Amino acid sequence: MSRVNYDAMSNAELREYFLKHRKDEAAFQAYLNRINQRPLRIIASLNDPDFDEKVQVAIRQKLEAARNGSNQPFNTALEPKDQD
């Protein structure tokens, strides 16, 4: 059996490959590594007065991108709560 070159695959190709070969642990790990390498986009901090609005906007943007078939990754996060 020949070795699969995950590095040569695009993100979409790697995702599709893994979905078709769910028992391929190396493919799963390669996909997780790619996801974890994406920079996080901070959308709001917990103390932000516009927290709810910013989260709702981010959700709408992600839903719209999904409807349009966009392959743009959205790696979003909330800023961690400040430790007092």
PDB file of N, CA and C in Angstrom:
ATOM      1  N   MET A   1       0.846  -1.173   0.000  1.00  0.00           N
ATOM      2  CA  MET A   1       0.000   0.000   0.000  1.00  0.00           C
ATOM      3  C   MET A   1       0.893   1.238   0.000  1.00  0.00           C
ATOM      4  N   SER A   2       0.589   2.194  -0.844  1.00  0.00           N
ATOM      5  CA  SER A   2       1.412   3.392  -0.927  1.00  0.00           C
ATOM      6  C   SER A   2       1.012   4.396   0.148  1.00  0.00           C
ATOM      7  N   ARG A   3       1.985   5.191   0.555  1.00  0.00           N
ATOM      8  CA  ARG A   3       1.756   6.210   1.581  1.00  0.00           C
ATOM      9  C   ARG A   3       1.054   7.404   0.954  1.00  0.00           C
ATOM     10  N   VAL A   4       0.049   7.916   1.643  1.00  0.00           N
ATOM     11  CA  VAL A   4      -0.717   9.060   1.166  1.00  0.00           C
ATOM     12  C   VAL A   4       0.010  10.332   1.579  1.00  0.00           C
ATOM     13  N   ASN A   5       0.155  11.272   0.650  1.00  0.00           N
ATOM     14  CA  ASN A   5       0.829  12.533   0.937  1.00  0.00           C
ATOM     15  C   ASN A   5      -0.224  13.577   1.307  1.00  0.00           C
ATOM     16  N   TYR A   6      -0.482  13.724   2.606  1.00  0.00           N
ATOM     17  CA  TYR A   6      -1.489  14.666   3.081  1.00  0.00           C
ATOM     18  C   TYR A   6      -1.064  16.109   2.833  1.00  0.00           C
ATOM     19  N   ASP A   7       0.248  16.353   2.868  1.00  0.00           N
ATOM     20  CA  ASP A   7       0.753  17.712   2.659  1.00  0.00           C
ATOM     21  C   ASP A   7       0.458  18.229   1.259  1.00  0.00           C
ATOM     22  N   ALA A   8       0.341  17.345   0.303  1.00  0.00           N
ATOM     23  CA  ALA A   8       0.066  17.755  -1.072  1.00  0.00           C
ATOM     24  C   ALA A   8      -1.418  18.066  -1.298  1.00  0.00           C
ATOM     25  N   MET A   9      -2.251  17.712  -0.333  1.00  0.00           N
ATOM     26  CA  MET A   9      -3.696  17.930  -0.457  1.00  0.00           C
ATOM     27  C   MET A   9      -4.076  19.325   0.026  1.00  0.00           C
ATOM     28  N   SER A  10      -5.073  19.902  -0.610  1.00  0.00           N
ATOM     29  CA  SER A  10      -5.644  21.152  -0.112  1.00  0.00           C
ATOM     30  C   SER A  10      -6.446  20.828   1.150  1.00  0.00           C
ATOM     31  N   ASN A  11      -6.848  21.843   1.870  1.00  0.00           N
ATOM     32  CA  ASN A  11      -7.669  21.618   3.065  1.00  0.00           C
ATOM     33  C   ASN A  11      -8.946  20.868   2.711  1.00  0.00           C
ATOM     34  N   ALA A  12      -9.590  21.273   1.623  1.00  0.00           N
ATOM     35  CA  ALA A  12     -10.841  20.628   1.207  1.00  0.00           C
ATOM     36  C   ALA A  12     -10.590  19.173   0.802  1.00  0.00           C
ATOM     37  N   GLU A  13      -9.499  18.934   0.092  1.00  0.00           N
ATOM     38  CA  GLU A  13      -9.177  17.562  -0.328  1.00  0.00           C
ATOM     39  C   GLU A  13      -8.881  16.680   0.880  1.00  0.00           C
ATOM     40  N   LEU A  14      -8.138  17.218   1.838  1.00  0.00           N
ATOM     41  CA  LEU A  14      -7.819  16.444   3.039  1.00  0.00           C
ATOM     42  C   LEU A  14      -9.075  16.129   3.830  1.00  0.00           C
ATOM     43  N   ARG A  15      -9.964  17.101   3.930  1.00  0.00           N
ATOM     44  CA  ARG A  15     -11.227  16.883   4.640  1.00  0.00           C
ATOM     45  C   ARG A  15     -12.044  15.788   3.955  1.00  0.00           C
ATOM     46  N   GLU A  16     -12.162  15.879   2.642  1.00  0.00           N
ATOM     47  CA  GLU A  16     -12.920  14.870   1.884  1.00  0.00           C
ATOM     48  C   GLU A  16     -12.272  13.490   2.003  1.00  0.00           C
ATOM     49  N   TYR A  17     -10.936  13.453   1.931  1.00  0.00           N
ATOM     50  CA  TYR A  17     -10.229  12.179   2.066  1.00  0.00           C
ATOM     51  C   TYR A  17     -10.535  11.550   3.427  1.00  0.00           C
ATOM     52  N   PHE A  18     -10.434  12.368   4.487  1.00  0.00           N
ATOM     53  CA  PHE A  18     -10.698  11.817   5.810  1.00  0.00           C
ATOM     54  C   PHE A  18     -12.137  11.327   5.941  1.00  0.00           C
ATOM     55  N   LEU A  19     -13.094  12.090   5.395  1.00  0.00           N
ATOM     56  CA  LEU A  19     -14.493  11.672   5.490  1.00  0.00           C
ATOM     57  C   LEU A  19     -14.738  10.339   4.784  1.00  0.00           C
ATOM     58  N   LYS A  20     -13.957  10.055   3.744  1.00  0.00           N
ATOM     59  CA  LYS A  20     -14.097   8.784   3.023  1.00  0.00           C
ATOM     60  C   LYS A  20     -13.276   7.666   3.666  1.00  0.00           C
ATOM     61  N   HIS A  21     -12.271   8.040   4.463  1.00  0.00           N
ATOM     62  CA  HIS A  21     -11.377   7.059   5.096  1.00  0.00           C
ATOM     63  C   HIS A  21     -11.310   7.324   6.598  1.00  0.00           C
ATOM     64  N   ARG A  22     -12.429   7.192   7.262  1.00  0.00           N
ATOM     65  CA  ARG A  22     -12.543   7.574   8.671  1.00  0.00           C
ATOM     66  C   ARG A  22     -11.660   6.758   9.612  1.00  0.00           C
ATOM     67  N   LYS A  23     -11.194   5.622   9.189  1.00  0.00           N
ATOM     68  CA  LYS A  23     -10.330   4.816  10.053  1.00  0.00           C
ATOM     69  C   LYS A  23      -8.856   5.169   9.882  1.00  0.00           C
ATOM     70  N   ASP A  24      -8.553   6.071   8.977  1.00  0.00           N
ATOM     71  CA  ASP A  24      -7.172   6.499   8.736  1.00  0.00           C
ATOM     72  C   ASP A  24      -6.788   7.538   9.799  1.00  0.00           C
ATOM     73  N   GLU A  25      -6.162   7.054  10.864  1.00  0.00           N
ATOM     74  CA  GLU A  25      -5.808   7.941  11.974  1.00  0.00           C
ATOM     75  C   GLU A  25      -4.784   8.996  11.578  1.00  0.00           C
ATOM     76  N   ALA A  26      -3.898   8.664  10.642  1.00  0.00           N
ATOM     77  CA  ALA A  26      -2.899   9.634  10.188  1.00  0.00           C
ATOM     78  C   ALA A  26      -3.583  10.784   9.448  1.00  0.00           C
ATOM     79  N   ALA A  27      -4.610  10.481   8.668  1.00  0.00           N
ATOM     80  CA  ALA A  27      -5.355  11.530   7.961  1.00  0.00           C
ATOM     81  C   ALA A  27      -6.079  12.417   8.958  1.00  0.00           C
ATOM     82  N   PHE A  28      -6.661  11.807   9.963  1.00  0.00           N
ATOM     83  CA  PHE A  28      -7.352  12.574  10.999  1.00  0.00           C
ATOM     84  C   PHE A  28      -6.380  13.503  11.716  1.00  0.00           C
ATOM     85  N   GLN A  29      -5.222  12.992  12.071  1.00  0.00           N
ATOM     86  CA  GLN A  29      -4.218  13.806  12.765  1.00  0.00           C
ATOM     87  C   GLN A  29      -3.722  14.934  11.860  1.00  0.00           C
ATOM     88  N   ALA A  30      -3.515  14.660  10.587  1.00  0.00           N
ATOM     89  CA  ALA A  30      -3.074  15.700   9.643  1.00  0.00           C
ATOM     90  C   ALA A  30      -4.131  16.792   9.537  1.00  0.00           C
ATOM     91  N   TYR A  31      -5.403  16.399   9.509  1.00  0.00           N
ATOM     92  CA  TYR A  31      -6.493  17.376   9.430  1.00  0.00           C
ATOM     93  C   TYR A  31      -6.553  18.215  10.703  1.00  0.00           C
ATOM     94  N   LEU A  32      -6.434  17.585  11.865  1.00  0.00           N
ATOM     95  CA  LEU A  32      -6.431  18.327  13.129  1.00  0.00           C
ATOM     96  C   LEU A  32      -5.250  19.293  13.196  1.00  0.00           C
ATOM     97  N   ASN A  33      -4.092  18.855  12.734  1.00  0.00           N
ATOM     98  CA  ASN A  33      -2.925  19.734  12.738  1.00  0.00           C
ATOM     99  C   ASN A  33      -3.167  20.977  11.880  1.00  0.00           C
ATOM    100  N   ARG A  34      -3.798  20.799  10.744  1.00  0.00           N
ATOM    101  CA  ARG A  34      -4.103  21.953   9.886  1.00  0.00           C
ATOM    102  C   ARG A  34      -5.067  22.907  10.580  1.00  0.00           C
ATOM    103  N   ILE A  35      -6.090  22.367  11.188  1.00  0.00           N
ATOM    104  CA  ILE A  35      -7.074  23.210  11.874  1.00  0.00           C
ATOM    105  C   ILE A  35      -6.402  23.982  13.006  1.00  0.00           C
ATOM    106  N   ASN A  36      -5.550  23.318  13.756  1.00  0.00           N
ATOM    107  CA  ASN A  36      -4.900  23.954  14.894  1.00  0.00           C
ATOM    108  C   ASN A  36      -3.856  24.989  14.481  1.00  0.00           C
ATOM    109  N   GLN A  37      -3.389  24.955  13.253  1.00  0.00           N
ATOM    110  CA  GLN A  37      -2.414  25.929  12.770  1.00  0.00           C
ATOM    111  C   GLN A  37      -3.068  27.237  12.340  1.00  0.00           C
ATOM    112  N   ARG A  38      -4.361  27.210  12.132  1.00  0.00           N
ATOM    113  CA  ARG A  38      -5.066  28.427  11.718  1.00  0.00           C
ATOM    114  C   ARG A  38      -5.087  29.423  12.871  1.00  0.00           C
ATOM    115  N   PRO A  39      -4.827  30.683  12.572  1.00  0.00           N
ATOM    116  CA  PRO A  39      -4.889  31.674  13.648  1.00  0.00           C
ATOM    117  C   PRO A  39      -6.338  31.883  14.092  1.00  0.00           C
ATOM    118  N   LEU A  40      -6.501  32.091  15.390  1.00  0.00           N
ATOM    119  CA  LEU A  40      -7.833  32.370  15.926  1.00  0.00           C
ATOM    120  C   LEU A  40      -8.184  33.831  15.683  1.00  0.00           C
ATOM    121  N   ARG A  41      -9.413  34.071  15.360  1.00  0.00           N
ATOM    122  CA  ARG A  41      -9.908  35.423  15.192  1.00  0.00           C
ATOM    123  C   ARG A  41     -10.749  35.735  16.418  1.00  0.00           C
ATOM    124  N   ILE A  42     -10.291  36.662  17.238  1.00  0.00           N
ATOM    125  CA  ILE A  42     -11.012  37.040  18.449  1.00  0.00           C
ATOM    126  C   ILE A  42     -12.170  37.951  18.042  1.00  0.00           C
ATOM    127  N   ILE A  43     -13.385  37.556  18.398  1.00  0.00           N
ATOM    128  CA  ILE A  43     -14.542  38.358  17.993  1.00  0.00           C
ATOM    129  C   ILE A  43     -15.056  39.249  19.110  1.00  0.00           C
ATOM    130  N   ALA A  44     -14.808  38.889  20.362  1.00  0.00           N
ATOM    131  CA  ALA A  44     -15.285  39.709  21.480  1.00  0.00           C
ATOM    132  C   ALA A  44     -14.661  39.209  22.774  1.00  0.00           C
ATOM    133  N   SER A  45     -14.500  40.119  23.712  1.00  0.00           N
ATOM    134  CA  SER A  45     -14.065  39.709  25.043  1.00  0.00           C
ATOM    135  C   SER A  45     -15.320  39.613  25.920  1.00  0.00           C
ATOM    136  N   LEU A  46     -15.220  38.909  26.989  1.00  0.00           N
ATOM    137  CA  LEU A  46     -16.394  38.705  27.846  1.00  0.00           C
ATOM    138  C   LEU A  46     -16.892  40.000  28.478  1.00  0.00           C
ATOM    139  N   ASN A  47     -16.010  40.966  28.645  1.00  0.00           N
ATOM    140  CA  ASN A  47     -16.398  42.237  29.251  1.00  0.00           C
ATOM    141  C   ASN A  47     -16.851  43.267  28.224  1.00  0.00           C
ATOM    142  N   ASP A  48     -16.904  42.894  26.969  1.00  0.00           N
ATOM    143  CA  ASP A  48     -17.280  43.806  25.887  1.00  0.00           C
ATOM    144  C   ASP A  48     -18.772  44.154  25.997  1.00  0.00           C
ATOM    145  N   PRO A  49     -19.109  45.449  26.012  1.00  0.00           N
ATOM    146  CA  PRO A  49     -20.528  45.820  26.114  1.00  0.00           C
ATOM    147  C   PRO A  49     -21.350  45.381  24.894  1.00  0.00           C
ATOM    148  N   ASP A  50     -20.707  45.155  23.762  1.00  0.00           N
ATOM    149  CA  ASP A  50     -21.395  44.707  22.548  1.00  0.00           C
ATOM    150  C   ASP A  50     -21.200  43.214  22.300  1.00  0.00           C
ATOM    151  N   PHE A  51     -20.939  42.471  23.358  1.00  0.00           N
ATOM    152  CA  PHE A  51     -20.641  41.042  23.255  1.00  0.00           C
ATOM    153  C   PHE A  51     -21.701  40.289  22.450  1.00  0.00           C
ATOM    154  N   ASP A  52     -22.972  40.399  22.847  1.00  0.00           N
ATOM    155  CA  ASP A  52     -24.048  39.650  22.189  1.00  0.00           C
ATOM    156  C   ASP A  52     -24.139  39.990  20.702  1.00  0.00           C
ATOM    157  N   GLU A  53     -24.073  41.266  20.397  1.00  0.00           N
ATOM    158  CA  GLU A  53     -24.178  41.698  19.005  1.00  0.00           C
ATOM    159  C   GLU A  53     -23.023  41.148  18.165  1.00  0.00           C
ATOM    160  N   LYS A  54     -21.795  41.205  18.695  1.00  0.00           N
ATOM    161  CA  LYS A  54     -20.633  40.720  17.949  1.00  0.00           C
ATOM    162  C   LYS A  54     -20.704  39.216  17.716  1.00  0.00           C
ATOM    163  N   VAL A  55     -21.163  38.483  18.709  1.00  0.00           N
ATOM    164  CA  VAL A  55     -21.293  37.029  18.555  1.00  0.00           C
ATOM    165  C   VAL A  55     -22.364  36.709  17.513  1.00  0.00           C
ATOM    166  N   GLN A  56     -23.483  37.415  17.554  1.00  0.00           N
ATOM    167  CA  GLN A  56     -24.545  37.183  16.583  1.00  0.00           C
ATOM    168  C   GLN A  56     -24.074  37.503  15.162  1.00  0.00           C
ATOM    169  N   VAL A  57     -23.311  38.582  14.990  1.00  0.00           N
ATOM    170  CA  VAL A  57     -22.777  38.935  13.676  1.00  0.00           C
ATOM    171  C   VAL A  57     -21.845  37.835  13.169  1.00  0.00           C
ATOM    172  N   ALA A  58     -20.979  37.334  14.045  1.00  0.00           N
ATOM    173  CA  ALA A  58     -20.059  36.273  13.654  1.00  0.00           C
ATOM    174  C   ALA A  58     -20.815  35.009  13.245  1.00  0.00           C
ATOM    175  N   ILE A  59     -21.872  34.683  13.960  1.00  0.00           N
ATOM    176  CA  ILE A  59     -22.687  33.511  13.616  1.00  0.00           C
ATOM    177  C   ILE A  59     -23.359  33.712  12.263  1.00  0.00           C
ATOM    178  N   ARG A  60     -23.928  34.901  12.043  1.00  0.00           N
ATOM    179  CA  ARG A  60     -24.570  35.182  10.752  1.00  0.00           C
ATOM    180  C   ARG A  60     -23.561  35.091   9.607  1.00  0.00           C
ATOM    181  N   GLN A  61     -22.357  35.611   9.806  1.00  0.00           N
ATOM    182  CA  GLN A  61     -21.333  35.550   8.769  1.00  0.00           C
ATOM    183  C   GLN A  61     -20.970  34.111   8.443  1.00  0.00           C
ATOM    184  N   LYS A  62     -20.847  33.297   9.473  1.00  0.00           N
ATOM    185  CA  LYS A  62     -20.498  31.895   9.244  1.00  0.00           C
ATOM    186  C   LYS A  62     -21.628  31.162   8.517  1.00  0.00           C
ATOM    187  N   LEU A  63     -22.866  31.423   8.904  1.00  0.00           N
ATOM    188  CA  LEU A  63     -24.006  30.797   8.230  1.00  0.00           C
ATOM    189  C   LEU A  63     -24.097  31.242   6.775  1.00  0.00           C
ATOM    190  N   GLU A  64     -23.872  32.518   6.528  1.00  0.00           N
ATOM    191  CA  GLU A  64     -23.913  33.037   5.161  1.00  0.00           C
ATOM    192  C   GLU A  64     -22.807  32.419   4.310  1.00  0.00           C
ATOM    193  N   ALA A  65     -21.629  32.293   4.882  1.00  0.00           N
ATOM    194  CA  ALA A  65     -20.522  31.673   4.154  1.00  0.00           C
ATOM    195  C   ALA A  65     -20.850  30.215   3.824  1.00  0.00           C
ATOM    196  N   ALA A  66     -21.489  29.521   4.759  1.00  0.00           N
ATOM    197  CA  ALA A  66     -21.870  28.130   4.517  1.00  0.00           C
ATOM    198  C   ALA A  66     -22.922  28.034   3.414  1.00  0.00           C
ATOM    199  N   ARG A  67     -23.870  28.957   3.420  1.00  0.00           N
ATOM    200  CA  ARG A  67     -24.899  28.970   2.366  1.00  0.00           C
ATOM    201  C   ARG A  67     -24.298  29.226   0.995  1.00  0.00           C
ATOM    202  N   ASN A  68     -23.264  30.066   0.947  1.00  0.00           N
ATOM    203  CA  ASN A  68     -22.633  30.411  -0.319  1.00  0.00           C
ATOM    204  C   ASN A  68     -21.568  29.417  -0.742  1.00  0.00           C
ATOM    205  N   GLY A  69     -21.367  28.400   0.069  1.00  0.00           N
ATOM    206  CA  GLY A  69     -20.385  27.375  -0.273  1.00  0.00           C
ATOM    207  C   GLY A  69     -18.955  27.844  -0.130  1.00  0.00           C
ATOM    208  N   SER A  70     -18.736  28.854   0.672  1.00  0.00           N
ATOM    209  CA  SER A  70     -17.389  29.381   0.872  1.00  0.00           C
ATOM    210  C   SER A  70     -16.527  28.361   1.586  1.00  0.00           C
ATOM    211  N   ASN A  71     -15.280  28.250   1.147  1.00  0.00           N
ATOM    212  CA  ASN A  71     -14.325  27.370   1.819  1.00  0.00           C
ATOM    213  C   ASN A  71     -13.468  28.138   2.805  1.00  0.00           C
ATOM    214  N   GLN A  72     -13.854  29.364   3.106  1.00  0.00           N
ATOM    215  CA  GLN A  72     -13.091  30.174   4.040  1.00  0.00           C
ATOM    216  C   GLN A  72     -13.214  29.584   5.437  1.00  0.00           C
ATOM    217  N   PRO A  73     -12.087  29.265   6.068  1.00  0.00           N
ATOM    218  CA  PRO A  73     -12.154  28.754   7.432  1.00  0.00           C
ATOM    219  C   PRO A  73     -12.435  29.878   8.413  1.00  0.00           C
ATOM    220  N   PHE A  74     -13.272  29.605   9.364  1.00  0.00           N
ATOM    221  CA  PHE A  74     -13.547  30.561  10.428  1.00  0.00           C
ATOM    222  C   PHE A  74     -13.096  29.925  11.716  1.00  0.00           C
ATOM    223  N   ASN A  75     -11.969  30.329  12.191  1.00  0.00           N
ATOM    224  CA  ASN A  75     -11.455  29.862  13.470  1.00  0.00           C
ATOM    225  C   ASN A  75     -11.640  31.003  14.446  1.00  0.00           C
ATOM    226  N   THR A  76     -12.768  31.046  15.103  1.00  0.00           N
ATOM    227  CA  THR A  76     -13.073  32.168  15.975  1.00  0.00           C
ATOM    228  C   THR A  76     -13.060  31.723  17.422  1.00  0.00           C
ATOM    229  N   ALA A  77     -12.839  32.689  18.272  1.00  0.00           N
ATOM    230  CA  ALA A  77     -12.823  32.409  19.702  1.00  0.00           C
ATOM    231  C   ALA A  77     -13.213  33.665  20.448  1.00  0.00           C
ATOM    232  N   LEU A  78     -13.623  33.453  21.648  1.00  0.00           N
ATOM    233  CA  LEU A  78     -13.863  34.567  22.554  1.00  0.00           C
ATOM    234  C   LEU A  78     -12.589  34.765  23.353  1.00  0.00           C
ATOM    235  N   GLU A  79     -12.315  35.993  23.702  1.00  0.00           N
ATOM    236  CA  GLU A  79     -11.160  36.255  24.545  1.00  0.00           C
ATOM    237  C   GLU A  79     -11.395  35.596  25.886  1.00  0.00           C
ATOM    238  N   PRO A  80     -10.381  34.967  26.456  1.00  0.00           N
ATOM    239  CA  PRO A  80     -10.572  34.344  27.769  1.00  0.00           C
ATOM    240  C   PRO A  80     -10.894  35.400  28.821  1.00  0.00           C
ATOM    241  N   LYS A  81     -11.678  34.992  29.786  1.00  0.00           N
ATOM    242  CA  LYS A  81     -12.047  35.897  30.872  1.00  0.00           C
ATOM    243  C   LYS A  81     -10.812  36.240  31.679  1.00  0.00           C
ATOM    244  N   ASP A  82     -10.679  37.510  31.997  1.00  0.00           N
ATOM    245  CA  ASP A  82      -9.547  37.952  32.803  1.00  0.00           C
ATOM    246  C   ASP A  82      -9.625  37.308  34.169  1.00  0.00           C
ATOM    247  N   GLN A  83      -8.496  36.827  34.626  1.00  0.00           N
ATOM    248  CA  GLN A  83      -8.421  36.213  35.953  1.00  0.00           C
ATOM    249  C   GLN A  83      -8.191  37.318  36.976  1.00  0.00           C
ATOM    250  N   ASP A  84      -9.134  37.549  37.852  1.00  0.00           N
ATOM    251  CA  ASP A  84      -9.004  38.600  38.866  1.00  0.00           C
ATOM    252  C   ASP A  84      -8.350  38.073  40.116  1.00  0.00           C
TER     253      ASP A  84
END
